[in-house]
Protein backbone atom coordinates (compact mmCIF):
# COMPACT_ATOMS: atom_id res chain seq x y z
CA UNK A 1 -21.78 14.16 5.23
CA UNK A 2 -20.39 14.77 8.42
CA UNK A 3 -20.63 12.49 11.11
CA UNK A 4 -19.79 15.14 13.89
CA UNK A 5 -19.64 18.92 14.53
CA UNK A 6 -16.52 20.42 13.26
CA UNK A 7 -14.88 20.89 16.87
CA UNK A 8 -15.54 17.27 18.11
CA UNK A 9 -14.01 14.15 17.41
CA UNK A 10 -14.77 12.18 14.38
CA UNK A 11 -17.08 9.20 15.33
CA UNK A 12 -16.51 5.45 14.41
CA UNK A 13 -18.50 3.68 12.20
CA UNK A 14 -19.46 0.71 14.23
CA UNK A 15 -22.03 -1.61 13.25
CA UNK A 16 -23.90 0.67 11.28
CA UNK A 17 -23.64 3.63 13.51
CA UNK A 18 -21.87 6.51 14.49
CA UNK A 19 -20.11 6.24 18.08
CA UNK A 20 -17.74 7.65 20.07
CA UNK A 21 -16.47 5.17 22.49
CA UNK A 22 -13.44 6.21 23.65
CA UNK A 23 -11.01 9.37 24.20
CA UNK A 24 -9.85 11.38 21.12
CA UNK A 25 -6.77 10.76 19.10
CA UNK A 26 -5.67 13.87 17.72
CA UNK A 27 -4.08 14.11 13.88
CA UNK A 28 -1.81 16.69 13.06
CA UNK A 29 -0.63 17.95 9.78
CA UNK A 30 3.30 16.63 9.14
CA UNK A 31 3.93 20.14 7.35
CA UNK A 32 3.16 22.42 9.99
CA UNK A 33 2.64 20.24 13.27
CA UNK A 34 -0.99 21.61 13.82
CA UNK A 35 -3.78 19.50 14.91
CA UNK A 36 -6.25 19.26 12.06
CA UNK A 37 -8.61 17.00 13.89
CA UNK A 38 -9.35 14.17 15.88
CA UNK A 39 -11.04 10.98 15.86
CA UNK A 40 -12.70 8.84 18.65
CA UNK A 41 -10.98 5.37 19.55
CA UNK A 42 -11.74 2.06 20.47
CA UNK A 43 -10.13 -0.69 22.91
CA UNK A 44 -9.98 -4.00 22.84
CA UNK A 45 -13.08 -4.78 24.39
CA UNK A 46 -14.73 -2.70 21.56
CA UNK A 47 -12.81 -4.34 19.06
CA UNK A 48 -14.26 -7.68 20.49
CA UNK A 49 -17.88 -6.25 20.23
CA UNK A 50 -16.94 -5.09 16.67
CA UNK A 51 -15.73 -8.67 15.63
CA UNK A 52 -18.93 -10.30 17.21
CA UNK A 53 -21.23 -7.70 15.03
CA UNK A 54 -19.18 -8.63 11.88
CA UNK A 55 -19.66 -12.26 12.30
CA UNK A 56 -23.61 -11.83 12.81
CA UNK A 57 -23.36 -9.99 9.57
CA UNK A 58 -21.61 -12.62 7.73
CA UNK A 59 -24.06 -14.87 6.55
CA UNK A 60 -26.48 -11.95 5.24
CA UNK A 61 -23.75 -10.45 3.20
CA UNK A 62 -22.02 -13.79 2.01
CA UNK A 63 -25.55 -14.99 0.66
CA UNK A 64 -26.27 -11.91 -1.47
CA UNK A 65 -25.46 -12.23 -5.09
CA UNK A 66 -21.86 -11.01 -6.17
CA UNK A 67 -23.99 -8.68 -8.42
CA UNK A 68 -25.80 -7.32 -5.57
CA UNK A 69 -22.54 -7.03 -3.69
CA UNK A 70 -21.00 -5.20 -6.79
CA UNK A 71 -23.85 -2.82 -6.77
CA UNK A 72 -22.90 -1.57 -3.30
CA UNK A 73 -19.03 -1.12 -4.30
CA UNK A 74 -20.33 0.68 -7.11
CA UNK A 75 -22.43 2.75 -4.52
CA UNK A 76 -19.36 3.59 -2.55
CA UNK A 77 -17.06 4.35 -5.61
CA UNK A 78 -19.81 7.19 -6.48
CA UNK A 79 -19.60 8.47 -2.97
CA UNK A 80 -15.99 8.89 -3.00
CA UNK A 81 -16.11 10.61 -6.59
CA UNK A 82 -18.57 13.02 -5.41
CA UNK A 83 -15.97 14.01 -2.66
CA UNK A 84 -13.15 13.56 -4.39
CA UNK A 85 -11.58 17.10 -3.94
CA UNK A 86 -12.34 16.99 -0.27
CA UNK A 87 -10.81 13.80 0.55
CA UNK A 88 -7.49 14.24 -1.49
CA UNK A 89 -7.33 17.37 0.34
CA UNK A 90 -7.58 15.68 3.64
CA UNK A 91 -4.93 13.01 2.46
CA UNK A 92 -2.64 15.67 1.58
CA UNK A 93 -3.45 17.70 4.79
CA UNK A 94 -3.10 14.18 7.00
CA UNK A 95 -0.22 12.62 5.10
CA UNK A 96 1.87 15.64 3.59
CA UNK A 97 1.99 14.83 0.52
CA UNK A 98 1.35 17.09 -2.76
CA UNK A 99 -2.51 17.49 -3.37
CA UNK A 100 -2.08 16.36 -7.18
CA UNK A 101 -0.86 12.70 -5.41
CA UNK A 102 -3.54 13.04 -2.94
CA UNK A 103 -6.14 13.46 -5.76
CA UNK A 104 -4.57 11.08 -7.62
CA UNK A 105 -4.89 8.50 -4.76
CA UNK A 106 -8.60 9.01 -4.85
CA UNK A 107 -8.57 8.50 -8.50
CA UNK A 108 -7.11 5.17 -8.18
CA UNK A 109 -9.56 4.34 -4.75
CA UNK A 110 -12.57 4.76 -7.09
CA UNK A 111 -10.81 2.20 -9.82
CA UNK A 112 -10.18 -0.53 -7.37
CA UNK A 113 -13.80 -0.14 -5.97
CA UNK A 114 -15.25 -0.15 -9.60
CA UNK A 115 -12.80 -3.36 -10.72
CA UNK A 116 -13.62 -5.49 -7.50
CA UNK A 117 -17.54 -4.40 -7.93
CA UNK A 118 -17.09 -6.51 -11.43
CA UNK A 119 -15.12 -8.90 -10.16
CA UNK A 120 -17.59 -9.89 -7.05
CA UNK A 121 -19.87 -11.44 -10.17
CA UNK A 122 -16.76 -13.74 -10.99
CA UNK A 123 -16.10 -16.24 -7.94
CA UNK A 124 -16.00 -19.17 -10.63
CA UNK A 125 -15.86 -22.44 -9.37
CA UNK A 126 -15.47 -25.40 -11.71
CA UNK A 127 -16.71 -29.04 -12.61
CA UNK A 128 -14.05 -31.54 -12.34
CA UNK A 129 -14.07 -34.59 -14.33
CA UNK A 130 -14.50 -37.86 -12.41
CA UNK A 131 -12.19 -40.90 -12.12
CA UNK A 132 -14.82 -43.36 -10.94
CA UNK A 133 -18.14 -44.32 -12.05
CA UNK A 134 -21.21 -43.04 -10.07
CA UNK A 135 -19.11 -39.93 -8.85
CA UNK A 136 -19.27 -36.38 -9.69
CA UNK A 137 -17.03 -33.50 -8.48
CA UNK A 138 -17.13 -29.95 -7.82
CA UNK A 139 -15.00 -26.78 -6.87
CA UNK A 140 -16.67 -23.98 -5.41
CA UNK A 141 -15.39 -20.69 -3.80
CA UNK A 142 -16.77 -19.44 -0.58
CA UNK A 143 -16.06 -16.07 1.46
CA UNK A 144 -13.33 -16.77 4.09
CA UNK A 145 -15.24 -14.59 6.82
CA UNK A 146 -14.44 -11.67 8.95
CA UNK A 147 -11.48 -9.64 7.54
CA UNK A 148 -8.93 -7.60 9.96
CA UNK A 149 -7.70 -5.08 7.16
CA UNK A 150 -4.48 -2.87 8.89
CA UNK A 151 -3.46 -0.11 6.46
CA UNK A 152 -0.44 2.04 6.29
CA UNK A 153 0.19 5.82 6.72
CA UNK A 154 1.96 6.60 3.57
CA UNK A 155 -0.87 5.89 0.91
CA UNK A 156 -3.97 6.01 3.90
CA UNK A 157 -6.77 5.53 1.40
CA UNK A 158 -5.84 3.49 -1.49
CA UNK A 159 -4.00 0.87 0.54
CA UNK A 160 -7.01 0.54 2.86
CA UNK A 161 -9.14 0.16 -0.16
CA UNK A 162 -6.88 -2.69 -1.74
CA UNK A 163 -8.10 -4.83 1.12
CA UNK A 164 -11.42 -3.70 1.94
CA UNK A 165 -12.61 -3.76 -1.56
CA UNK A 166 -12.00 -7.43 -2.68
CA UNK A 167 -12.97 -8.63 0.64
CA UNK A 168 -16.25 -6.81 0.54
CA UNK A 169 -16.69 -8.13 -3.09
CA UNK A 170 -15.87 -11.85 -2.00
CA UNK A 171 -18.58 -11.72 0.71
CA UNK A 172 -16.40 -10.79 3.75
CA UNK A 173 -17.40 -8.62 6.57
CA UNK A 174 -14.30 -5.74 7.29
CA UNK A 175 -12.87 -4.38 9.91
CA UNK A 176 -10.43 -1.60 9.04
CA UNK A 177 -7.63 -0.39 11.13
CA UNK A 178 -5.94 2.85 9.51
CA UNK A 179 -2.86 4.13 10.88
CA UNK A 180 -3.07 6.17 13.90
CA UNK A 181 -1.11 9.35 11.82
CA UNK A 182 -3.82 9.26 9.15
CA UNK A 183 -7.04 8.17 10.17
CA UNK A 184 -9.09 10.95 8.48
CA UNK A 185 -9.37 9.97 5.09
CA UNK A 186 -10.58 6.08 6.36
CA UNK A 187 -13.51 8.45 8.11
CA UNK A 188 -14.38 9.66 5.03
CA UNK A 189 -14.39 6.38 3.36
CA UNK A 190 -16.43 4.97 6.10
CA UNK A 191 -19.20 7.61 5.34
CA UNK A 192 -19.14 6.75 1.83
CA UNK A 193 -19.74 3.06 3.02
CA UNK A 194 -22.65 4.55 5.03
CA UNK A 195 -24.17 6.67 2.40
CA UNK A 196 -24.20 3.38 0.24
CA UNK A 197 -26.27 1.72 2.77
CA UNK A 198 -24.25 -1.28 3.44
CA UNK A 199 -25.92 -3.56 5.83
CA UNK A 200 -24.69 -3.09 9.59
CA UNK A 201 -21.62 -4.55 10.51
CA UNK A 202 -20.42 -5.42 7.25
CA UNK A 203 -17.82 -2.46 7.35
CA UNK A 204 -16.69 -1.09 10.44
CA UNK A 205 -13.90 1.43 11.31
CA UNK A 206 -11.28 0.85 14.47
CA UNK A 207 -9.18 3.57 15.28
CA UNK A 208 -7.00 3.16 18.67
CA UNK A 209 -4.00 1.49 20.07
CA UNK A 210 -2.45 -0.78 17.33
CA UNK A 211 -1.15 -3.45 20.10
CA UNK A 212 -5.01 -3.56 21.52
CA UNK A 213 -6.67 -3.61 18.45
CA UNK A 214 -4.02 -6.13 16.56
CA UNK A 215 -4.17 -8.61 19.27
CA UNK A 216 -7.78 -9.01 19.60
CA UNK A 217 -8.05 -9.42 15.78
CA UNK A 218 -5.15 -11.75 15.92
CA UNK A 219 -6.63 -13.88 18.91
CA UNK A 220 -10.01 -13.77 18.29
CA UNK A 221 -11.03 -16.95 16.32
CA UNK A 222 -14.18 -15.01 14.62
CA UNK A 223 -12.10 -13.08 12.77
CA UNK A 224 -10.83 -15.46 10.07
CA UNK A 225 -8.22 -13.39 8.09
CA UNK A 226 -5.74 -10.57 8.50
CA UNK A 227 -4.51 -8.27 5.63
CA UNK A 228 -1.65 -6.22 6.24
CA UNK A 229 0.56 -3.77 4.85
CA UNK A 230 3.73 -2.39 6.72
CA UNK A 231 7.23 -3.28 7.68
CA UNK A 232 8.83 -6.84 6.89
CA UNK A 233 9.53 -6.63 11.08
CA UNK A 234 5.92 -6.40 12.13
CA UNK A 235 4.87 -8.86 9.31
CA UNK A 236 7.17 -11.41 11.00
CA UNK A 237 5.74 -10.77 14.32
CA UNK A 238 2.12 -11.18 12.83
CA UNK A 239 3.38 -14.66 11.43
CA UNK A 240 4.29 -15.54 14.80
CA UNK A 241 0.95 -14.52 16.25
CA UNK A 242 -1.00 -16.14 13.64
CA UNK A 243 0.53 -19.67 14.33
CA UNK A 244 -1.86 -20.68 17.45
CA UNK A 245 -4.76 -20.32 15.29
CA UNK A 246 -3.39 -20.83 11.80
CA UNK A 247 -4.86 -17.26 11.00
CA UNK A 248 -4.89 -16.71 7.30
CA UNK A 249 -2.68 -13.85 6.15
CA UNK A 250 -2.21 -11.56 3.38
CA UNK A 251 0.94 -9.04 3.67
CA UNK A 252 2.78 -6.58 1.55
CA UNK A 253 5.82 -5.60 3.56
CA UNK A 254 9.02 -3.97 3.18
CA UNK A 255 10.65 -3.12 -0.36
CA UNK A 256 14.03 -2.27 -1.54
CA UNK A 257 13.35 -1.59 -5.07
CA UNK A 258 16.21 -1.64 -7.72
CA UNK A 259 16.20 0.61 -10.92
CA UNK A 260 18.54 -0.57 -13.72
CA UNK A 261 19.29 1.63 -16.45
CA UNK A 262 21.28 0.07 -19.44
CA UNK A 263 23.59 1.88 -22.16
CA UNK A 264 20.79 1.45 -24.70
CA UNK A 265 18.01 3.11 -22.60
CA UNK A 266 16.24 6.25 -23.79
CA UNK A 267 17.73 8.36 -21.46
CA UNK A 268 15.00 11.27 -21.15
CA UNK A 269 12.51 8.34 -20.27
CA UNK A 270 15.18 6.88 -18.14
CA UNK A 271 15.40 10.12 -15.71
CA UNK A 272 11.67 10.85 -15.84
CA UNK A 273 11.21 7.18 -14.43
CA UNK A 274 13.89 7.52 -11.80
CA UNK A 275 12.44 10.88 -10.57
CA UNK A 276 8.82 9.66 -10.22
CA UNK A 277 9.97 6.25 -8.81
CA UNK A 278 12.04 7.88 -6.27
CA UNK A 279 10.26 11.19 -5.07
CA UNK A 280 6.73 10.53 -5.42
CA UNK A 281 5.28 10.61 -2.07
CA UNK A 282 8.65 12.02 -0.79
CA UNK A 283 10.19 8.61 -1.44
CA UNK A 284 7.52 6.94 1.39
CA UNK A 285 6.53 4.10 -0.75
CA UNK A 286 7.53 0.57 -0.58
CA UNK A 287 8.31 0.39 -4.39
CA UNK A 288 10.24 3.54 -4.39
CA UNK A 289 13.37 3.05 -6.19
CA UNK A 290 15.98 2.90 -3.50
CA UNK A 291 19.07 1.47 -5.80
CA UNK A 292 19.48 3.31 -8.77
CA UNK A 293 22.24 1.09 -11.07
CA UNK A 294 23.36 3.05 -14.32
CA UNK A 295 25.34 0.97 -16.98
CA UNK A 296 29.06 2.97 -17.35
CA UNK A 297 28.51 4.36 -20.84
CA UNK A 298 25.49 6.20 -19.78
CA UNK A 299 26.41 6.80 -16.14
CA UNK A 300 27.73 10.46 -16.45
CA UNK A 301 24.91 11.59 -18.61
CA UNK A 302 22.28 10.13 -16.86
CA UNK A 303 23.70 11.73 -13.36
CA UNK A 304 23.88 15.33 -14.63
CA UNK A 305 20.34 15.11 -15.95
CA UNK A 306 18.82 13.26 -12.80
CA UNK A 307 20.80 15.81 -10.50
CA UNK A 308 19.47 19.02 -12.61
CA UNK A 309 16.23 17.93 -12.36
CA UNK A 310 16.18 16.53 -8.63
CA UNK A 311 17.78 19.88 -7.49
CA UNK A 312 14.59 21.77 -9.10
CA UNK A 313 11.91 19.78 -7.15
CA UNK A 314 9.94 22.20 -5.12
CA UNK A 315 9.79 21.12 -1.29
CA UNK A 316 6.94 22.47 0.63
CA UNK A 317 3.59 22.25 2.00
CA UNK A 318 1.41 19.71 0.07
CA UNK A 319 -1.14 22.53 -0.57
CA UNK A 320 1.29 24.84 -1.83
CA UNK A 321 1.13 25.59 -5.84
CA UNK A 322 3.97 23.63 -7.76
CA UNK A 323 5.10 21.46 -4.64
CA UNK A 324 7.03 18.42 -5.83
CA UNK A 325 8.26 16.86 -2.26
CA UNK A 326 5.87 17.52 0.80
CA UNK A 327 7.37 16.64 4.44
CA UNK A 328 7.85 13.26 5.56
CA UNK A 329 5.74 11.93 8.06
CA UNK A 330 7.60 13.32 11.05
CA UNK A 331 10.67 14.76 12.40
CA UNK A 332 12.57 11.41 13.31
CA UNK A 333 12.15 10.09 9.45
CA UNK A 334 14.07 12.93 8.23
CA UNK A 335 16.56 12.07 11.05
CA UNK A 336 16.71 8.68 9.94
CA UNK A 337 17.25 9.56 6.38
CA UNK A 338 19.85 12.05 7.42
CA UNK A 339 21.81 9.00 9.33
CA UNK A 340 21.97 6.96 5.76
CA UNK A 341 23.28 10.00 4.09
CA UNK A 342 26.00 10.68 6.57
CA UNK A 343 26.91 6.82 6.14
CA UNK A 344 26.87 7.00 2.55
CA UNK A 345 29.26 9.99 2.47
CA UNK A 346 31.51 8.20 4.94
CA UNK A 347 31.73 5.08 3.01
CA UNK A 348 32.95 7.29 -0.28
CA UNK A 349 29.70 8.31 -1.79
CA UNK A 350 29.40 11.65 -3.36
CA UNK A 351 26.57 14.08 -2.18
CA UNK A 352 25.78 15.76 -5.57
CA UNK A 353 22.64 17.72 -4.50
CA UNK A 354 20.27 17.91 -1.28
CA UNK A 355 21.32 16.20 1.59
CA UNK A 356 19.68 18.63 4.50
CA UNK A 357 16.73 20.11 5.56
CA UNK A 358 15.44 23.30 3.45
CA UNK A 359 15.68 26.23 5.11
CA UNK A 360 12.48 27.98 6.09
CA UNK A 361 10.82 24.90 6.39
CA UNK A 362 9.93 22.77 9.68
CA UNK A 363 11.93 19.69 10.90
CA UNK A 364 9.92 17.39 8.94
CA UNK A 365 11.27 18.59 5.51
CA UNK A 366 14.39 17.33 3.37
CA UNK A 367 15.54 18.32 0.07
CA UNK A 368 15.58 15.98 -3.10
CA UNK A 369 18.94 14.24 -2.50
CA UNK A 370 21.22 12.35 -4.91
CA UNK A 371 24.27 10.32 -3.66
CA UNK A 372 26.59 9.48 -6.54
CA UNK A 373 29.26 6.34 -6.62
CA UNK A 374 27.37 4.54 -3.98
CA UNK A 375 29.35 1.09 -2.63
CA UNK A 376 27.33 -1.55 -2.50
CA UNK A 377 28.06 -2.25 1.19
CA UNK A 378 26.41 1.15 2.18
CA UNK A 379 23.78 1.49 4.46
CA UNK A 380 21.12 3.06 1.85
CA UNK A 381 21.91 0.00 -0.29
CA UNK A 382 21.04 -2.39 2.31
CA UNK A 383 18.10 -0.92 3.75
CA UNK A 384 15.13 0.75 2.86
CA UNK A 385 15.34 4.53 2.92
CA UNK A 386 11.61 5.89 3.24
CA UNK A 387 12.65 9.52 2.06
CA UNK A 388 13.75 11.41 -0.87
CA UNK A 389 17.28 10.40 -1.10
CA UNK A 390 18.38 8.38 -4.43
CA UNK A 391 21.69 6.21 -4.35
CA UNK A 392 23.14 5.84 -7.80
CA UNK A 393 25.84 3.43 -8.64
CA UNK A 394 27.51 2.32 -11.71
CA UNK A 395 27.70 -1.41 -13.37
CA UNK A 396 29.22 -3.02 -16.27
CA UNK A 397 27.25 -5.87 -17.20
CA UNK A 398 23.93 -7.73 -17.17
CA UNK A 399 24.89 -10.48 -15.24
CA UNK A 400 26.61 -8.29 -12.48
CA UNK A 401 23.67 -6.01 -12.00
CA UNK A 402 21.03 -8.93 -11.77
CA UNK A 403 23.03 -10.26 -9.09
CA UNK A 404 23.50 -7.12 -7.07
CA UNK A 405 19.64 -6.42 -7.48
CA UNK A 406 18.54 -9.65 -6.16
CA UNK A 407 21.28 -9.26 -3.17
CA UNK A 408 18.47 -8.42 -0.67
CA UNK A 409 15.81 -9.87 1.47
CA UNK A 410 13.07 -8.23 -0.22
CA UNK A 411 11.37 -8.46 -3.40
CA UNK A 412 8.61 -6.32 -3.94
CA UNK A 413 9.46 -4.34 -7.00
CA UNK A 414 11.98 -3.50 -9.84
CA UNK A 415 12.48 -1.29 -12.93
CA UNK A 416 14.54 -1.68 -15.93
CA UNK A 417 14.85 0.63 -18.50
CA UNK A 418 16.30 -0.68 -21.98
CA UNK A 419 15.24 -0.28 -25.71
CA UNK A 420 16.68 -3.75 -26.25
CA UNK A 421 13.41 -6.29 -26.28
CA UNK A 422 15.79 -9.38 -25.68
CA UNK A 423 16.95 -7.95 -22.60
CA UNK A 424 13.99 -6.42 -21.36
CA UNK A 425 12.31 -9.91 -21.21
CA UNK A 426 15.88 -11.69 -19.83
CA UNK A 427 15.96 -9.20 -16.87
CA UNK A 428 12.12 -8.85 -16.12
CA UNK A 429 12.24 -12.64 -15.75
CA UNK A 430 15.63 -12.94 -13.80
CA UNK A 431 14.81 -10.02 -11.44
CA UNK A 432 13.17 -11.42 -8.09
CA UNK A 433 10.51 -9.11 -7.55
CA UNK A 434 6.56 -9.36 -7.53
CA UNK A 435 6.14 -6.30 -10.03
CA UNK A 436 8.91 -5.53 -12.53
CA UNK A 437 8.28 -2.01 -14.76
CA UNK A 438 9.96 -2.34 -17.91
CA UNK A 439 10.37 1.04 -19.23
CA UNK A 440 7.42 1.98 -16.70
CA UNK A 441 7.39 3.95 -13.83
CA UNK A 442 4.09 3.49 -12.53
CA UNK A 443 3.34 -0.17 -13.26
CA UNK A 444 0.36 -0.45 -10.33
CA UNK A 445 -2.99 -1.04 -11.73
CA UNK A 446 -6.68 -2.45 -10.63
CA UNK A 447 -6.47 -5.25 -13.11
CA UNK A 448 -2.83 -6.67 -12.26
CA UNK A 449 -1.59 -8.74 -9.19
CA UNK A 450 0.56 -6.80 -6.53
CA UNK A 451 2.63 -8.09 -3.95
CA UNK A 452 6.19 -9.18 -2.94
CA UNK A 453 8.61 -12.08 -3.28
CA UNK A 454 10.94 -13.37 -0.25
CA UNK A 455 10.35 -11.18 2.74
CA UNK A 456 8.34 -8.60 0.95
CA UNK A 457 5.22 -10.29 1.68
CA UNK A 458 2.37 -13.14 1.32
CA UNK A 459 -0.26 -13.07 -1.29
CA UNK A 460 -1.08 -10.49 -3.81
CA UNK A 461 -3.62 -7.82 -4.11
CA UNK A 462 -5.28 -6.67 -7.06
CA UNK A 463 -6.12 -8.40 -10.17
CA UNK A 464 -7.98 -11.67 -10.06
CA UNK A 465 -5.73 -12.92 -7.24
CA UNK A 466 -6.99 -9.72 -5.10
CA UNK A 467 -10.41 -11.49 -4.76
CA UNK A 468 -8.75 -14.96 -4.56
CA UNK A 469 -7.15 -13.81 -1.03
CA UNK A 470 -10.54 -13.69 0.44
CA UNK A 471 -11.98 -16.71 -0.61
CA UNK A 472 -11.82 -20.60 0.42
CA UNK A 473 -12.01 -23.27 -1.96
CA UNK A 474 -14.28 -26.22 -1.17
CA UNK A 475 -14.36 -29.51 -3.08
CA UNK A 476 -17.81 -31.37 -3.09
CA UNK A 477 -18.00 -34.79 -4.33
CA UNK A 478 -21.43 -36.57 -5.33
CA UNK A 479 -21.71 -40.01 -4.79
CA UNK A 480 -24.53 -42.15 -6.13
CA UNK A 481 -27.92 -40.62 -5.26
CA UNK A 482 -30.97 -42.87 -4.93
């Protein structure tokens, strides 16, 4: 279904209706720079009204059984699944990622909805043994209230749904604020919500000025919780803003994932794993492997194979056949990546492939780049490079590489490649990261918790923990009755 005519701005979904409350925000394809559509926007007053409508919807939604809420989530999943090709193409157009990756994002989105549809039934409490005669104790869990969900542009649908699905399952009305660069896939999500028949006010879509909308979400006491994916810098600011109301926060922030390859690793698996973790979505992922450490005995062989495969990766428009790396989100992102490359070379690193914009492509493209012999104090080893730039460094022993891997303020993800089971356990336990993939380049899955240590975030998404984030625990103590 479409909520507007093709030449009009896409309407926002507010309190169960399609509305055009504000000026249109144009959305461009980062591959071509062409405008591919527009979406209506809402201001701070409109956000305030949406919060009020969500609060009015809360009682009815939280009092449904978990089974009934789960049925709605499954209906949303059905609607997304029916339009998987259209939604995948939309993600590719507004984000730039290769079409197969856009379709993969849709598949994971459906899986998230179906997982939390089942988890909605499982908001278990417990009976607690008493210590005093005449008393009985219960602990129950109840929805936290209206949720403001702020989603990023790099995985515009699935990272929104990691917030929306568990919040709805827990009985919370949700206000979704997608990134201004990539709102179209969220409009399609809203259409699936509308088709599923959710009560008005339970899910609403807010597009517009991030500061205006964010300020109202943070300062309005009726919005009880904020869940956010984005930079650590913005996360720190949200923490400061939350202090006045002690507003509950869940945050997935920046990452700087190490990937460690030991001498005993399967070389082919390690190379393939590094290619996936570094170059998927053009390196624009918080769990991308930004620091690749290879033990000295396998270093040259790894580098030779890795460079050969990286050099062969096709860069181009996400809708072209066989493209491995699409454009970065904008020209400025490429400029930042090039500055990281230049700084590494100035510090003594070797540029072994890539390092420039490809000929015949626009200014938002960057070749798959591999830097060898990268020093530990180089900029790209200290700061997250949101681009297809792979710094490779040598190490000698296990204790050394663990120390180097943990020497960062971030702790979102890490990867280890080894065939030694004892080492796999030791290193996985020693690494300071919320997710560790051991011989696994794609560890994220609906049924397992995802989130960061240190300054990579607060709380967890997915798994049973993903539902916990939207529930309050209440103790009920019964004294003698009668």
